[in-house]
Amino acid sequence: MTRTWLEVAVNGPWGKAVQPGIPVRVEDIVAEGTACAREGAAIVHVHAYDEASGRQRDDADLYSRISEGSEGFHFGFPPAEYALDAYLRLLADEAAGGPWMVAGLAVDSLKLAAAAVARGGHLRTGLEDAPFGSTRSNVQWVQAARREIEAAGGRLASAADVRRALDEE
């Protein structure tokens, strides 16, 4: 069985009003991403924020600071197994053999972790994707995802495993 990729979406464009637990300061984004990587997330997805306003800011210097401090797919289907099967049929026709990942915005993607593992897919989790107002932290989402993946018989891929697989594509 191939190893399952686990991606954490640490913050997203929502802001603290919608998702109070997201990290905004560069130092907090780096710390949260690093903690999630230690828990098994092989991919850490982040958005940079203006620390004064708390708003997302696409700024190369901010992303550079996040990248320097760091170690180390949303689709138009509902988070249900029938939709996953439909998506996989579409992928078989359009991108056969390509890697794929269960993800969503404002949903609990953990419900599909076992189905993703059984079908050879990967999983994305974190506060960008979580139901709005989530009381879980990013680390707690990664821990829960890891438990679901392992309970389904999956093994987490390392960041090196993901890079190697993508280099083969």
Protein backbone atom coordinates (compact mmCIF):
# COMPACT_ATOMS: atom_id res chain seq x y z
CA MET A 1 0.00 0.00 0.00
CA THR A 2 1.36 3.44 -0.89
CA ARG A 3 1.93 5.94 1.88
CA THR A 4 -0.78 8.56 2.40
CA TRP A 5 0.13 12.23 2.03
CA LEU A 6 -1.26 14.47 4.77
CA GLU A 7 -1.48 18.19 3.99
CA VAL A 8 -2.39 20.80 6.59
CA ALA A 9 -3.94 24.09 5.47
CA VAL A 10 -2.77 26.20 8.40
CA ASN A 11 -4.79 29.38 7.98
CA GLY A 12 -6.45 30.48 4.74
CA PRO A 13 -8.05 33.75 3.69
CA TRP A 14 -10.83 33.75 6.28
CA GLY A 15 -9.40 35.86 9.08
CA LYS A 16 -9.86 35.36 12.82
CA ALA A 17 -13.50 36.48 12.79
CA VAL A 18 -14.44 33.29 10.93
CA GLN A 19 -11.68 30.96 12.15
CA PRO A 20 -10.42 32.27 15.53
CA GLY A 21 -7.62 29.70 15.90
CA ILE A 22 -5.66 30.55 12.77
CA PRO A 23 -2.11 31.83 13.10
CA VAL A 24 -1.50 35.30 11.61
CA ARG A 25 1.95 36.39 12.78
CA VAL A 26 4.87 34.94 10.81
CA GLU A 27 6.32 33.39 13.95
CA ASP A 28 3.00 31.72 14.78
CA ILE A 29 2.53 30.44 11.22
CA VAL A 30 6.02 28.92 11.28
CA ALA A 31 5.52 27.39 14.74
CA GLU A 32 2.13 25.94 13.84
CA GLY A 33 3.38 24.55 10.52
CA THR A 34 6.43 23.02 12.18
CA ALA A 35 4.31 21.43 14.92
CA CYS A 36 1.96 19.97 12.30
CA ALA A 37 4.94 18.59 10.33
CA ARG A 38 6.19 16.91 13.51
CA GLU A 39 2.77 15.29 13.86
CA GLY A 40 2.99 13.86 10.35
CA ALA A 41 1.85 16.52 7.87
CA ALA A 42 4.16 16.19 4.86
CA ILE A 43 2.75 19.30 3.14
CA VAL A 44 2.15 22.61 4.94
CA HIS A 45 -0.06 25.11 3.07
CA VAL A 46 -0.06 28.70 4.39
CA HIS A 47 -1.31 32.18 3.62
CA ALA A 48 0.63 35.27 4.70
CA TYR A 49 -1.07 38.00 6.71
CA ASP A 50 -0.49 41.64 7.47
CA GLU A 51 0.09 41.37 11.21
CA ALA A 52 -1.29 44.83 11.97
CA SER A 53 -4.63 44.44 10.16
CA GLY A 54 -5.02 40.65 10.41
CA ARG A 55 -5.87 40.51 6.71
CA GLN A 56 -4.37 38.18 4.14
CA ARG A 57 -1.54 39.83 2.24
CA ASP A 58 0.19 38.40 -0.81
CA ASP A 59 3.63 39.77 -0.16
CA ALA A 60 6.83 38.07 -1.28
CA ASP A 61 8.75 39.28 1.79
CA LEU A 62 6.18 37.78 4.16
CA TYR A 63 6.18 34.46 2.32
CA SER A 64 9.98 34.53 2.29
CA ARG A 65 10.03 35.00 6.08
CA ILE A 66 7.59 32.11 6.49
CA SER A 67 9.62 29.90 4.15
CA GLU A 68 12.92 30.75 5.82
CA GLY A 69 11.50 29.90 9.23
CA SER A 70 9.86 26.66 8.19
CA GLU A 71 11.11 23.10 8.48
CA GLY A 72 10.88 21.09 6.32
CA PHE A 73 -7.24 20.90 -3.71
CA HIS A 74 -10.50 21.92 -3.28
CA PHE A 75 -12.91 20.33 -5.75
CA GLY A 76 -16.54 21.06 -6.54
CA PHE A 77 -17.91 17.89 -4.95
CA PRO A 78 -19.57 17.47 -1.54
CA PRO A 79 -17.58 15.59 1.13
CA ALA A 80 -19.28 12.24 0.62
CA GLU A 81 -18.13 8.84 -0.67
CA TYR A 82 -20.45 8.86 -3.68
CA ALA A 83 -18.90 12.18 -4.74
CA LEU A 84 -15.40 10.81 -4.19
CA ASP A 85 -16.25 7.86 -6.46
CA ALA A 86 -17.57 10.26 -9.13
CA TYR A 87 -14.41 12.35 -8.88
CA LEU A 88 -12.20 9.28 -9.20
CA ARG A 89 -14.08 8.20 -12.34
CA LEU A 90 -13.45 11.69 -13.77
CA LEU A 91 -9.75 11.47 -12.85
CA ALA A 92 -9.47 8.04 -14.48
CA ASP A 93 -10.61 9.62 -17.75
CA GLU A 94 -8.68 12.88 -17.51
CA ALA A 95 -5.57 12.22 -15.41
CA ALA A 96 -5.21 8.48 -14.98
CA GLY A 97 -2.69 7.50 -12.34
CA GLY A 98 -2.15 11.02 -11.06
CA PRO A 99 -2.02 11.69 -7.33
CA TRP A 100 -5.19 13.10 -5.79
CA MET A 101 -6.24 14.45 -2.44
CA VAL A 102 -9.48 14.81 -0.48
CA ALA A 103 -9.91 18.45 0.51
CA GLY A 104 -12.64 20.97 1.03
CA LEU A 105 -13.46 24.37 2.41
CA ALA A 106 -15.52 24.66 5.60
CA VAL A 107 -15.95 20.87 5.80
CA ASP A 108 -14.62 18.02 7.90
CA SER A 109 -12.54 16.09 5.37
CA LEU A 110 -11.69 13.50 8.04
CA LYS A 111 -14.98 11.78 7.24
CA LEU A 112 -13.42 10.65 3.97
CA ALA A 113 -9.98 9.69 5.33
CA ALA A 114 -10.65 5.95 5.33
CA ALA A 115 -12.16 6.08 1.84
CA ALA A 116 -9.17 8.07 0.56
CA VAL A 117 -6.70 5.61 2.06
CA ALA A 118 -8.61 2.62 0.67
CA ARG A 119 -8.61 4.15 -2.82
CA GLY A 120 -4.95 5.24 -2.76
CA GLY A 121 -5.54 8.94 -2.25
CA HIS A 122 -4.26 11.57 0.13
CA LEU A 123 -5.82 13.95 2.66
CA ARG A 124 -5.67 17.67 3.39
CA THR A 125 -6.76 19.14 6.72
CA GLY A 126 -6.30 22.28 8.82
CA LEU A 127 -8.05 25.48 9.78
CA GLU A 128 -8.30 26.78 6.22
CA ASP A 129 -10.46 23.79 5.37
CA ALA A 130 -12.18 23.10 8.71
CA PRO A 131 -15.80 23.97 9.47
CA PHE A 132 -15.92 27.66 10.38
CA GLY A 133 -15.50 28.36 14.08
CA SER A 134 -13.54 25.16 14.65
CA THR A 135 -12.31 24.75 18.20
CA ARG A 136 -9.51 22.41 17.09
CA SER A 137 -6.04 23.79 16.39
CA ASN A 138 -4.10 22.89 13.24
CA VAL A 139 -2.03 20.44 15.27
CA GLN A 140 -5.21 18.81 16.60
CA TRP A 141 -6.60 18.50 13.04
CA VAL A 142 -3.33 16.83 11.93
CA GLN A 143 -3.37 14.50 14.94
CA ALA A 144 -6.98 13.52 14.20
CA ALA A 145 -6.15 12.98 10.51
CA ARG A 146 -3.15 10.86 11.40
CA ARG A 147 -5.34 8.69 13.66
CA GLU A 148 -7.94 8.27 10.89
CA ILE A 149 -5.30 7.42 8.27
CA GLU A 150 -3.57 4.90 10.53
CA ALA A 151 -6.91 3.38 11.65
CA ALA A 152 -7.69 2.81 7.96
CA GLY A 153 -4.40 0.93 7.53
CA GLY A 154 -2.52 3.82 5.95
CA ARG A 155 0.97 5.05 6.73
CA LEU A 156 1.92 8.71 6.50
CA ALA A 157 4.31 9.81 3.81
CA SER A 158 7.22 12.03 4.74
CA ALA A 159 7.92 15.30 2.95
CA ALA A 160 10.77 13.48 1.15
CA ASP A 161 8.31 10.77 0.01
CA VAL A 162 6.02 13.44 -1.48
CA ARG A 163 8.90 15.22 -3.25
CA ARG A 164 10.13 11.92 -4.67
CA ALA A 165 6.65 11.00 -5.93
CA LEU A 166 6.17 14.40 -7.54
CA ASP A 167 9.60 14.21 -9.19
CA GLU A 168 8.47 10.95 -10.82
CA GLU A 169 5.40 12.61 -12.35
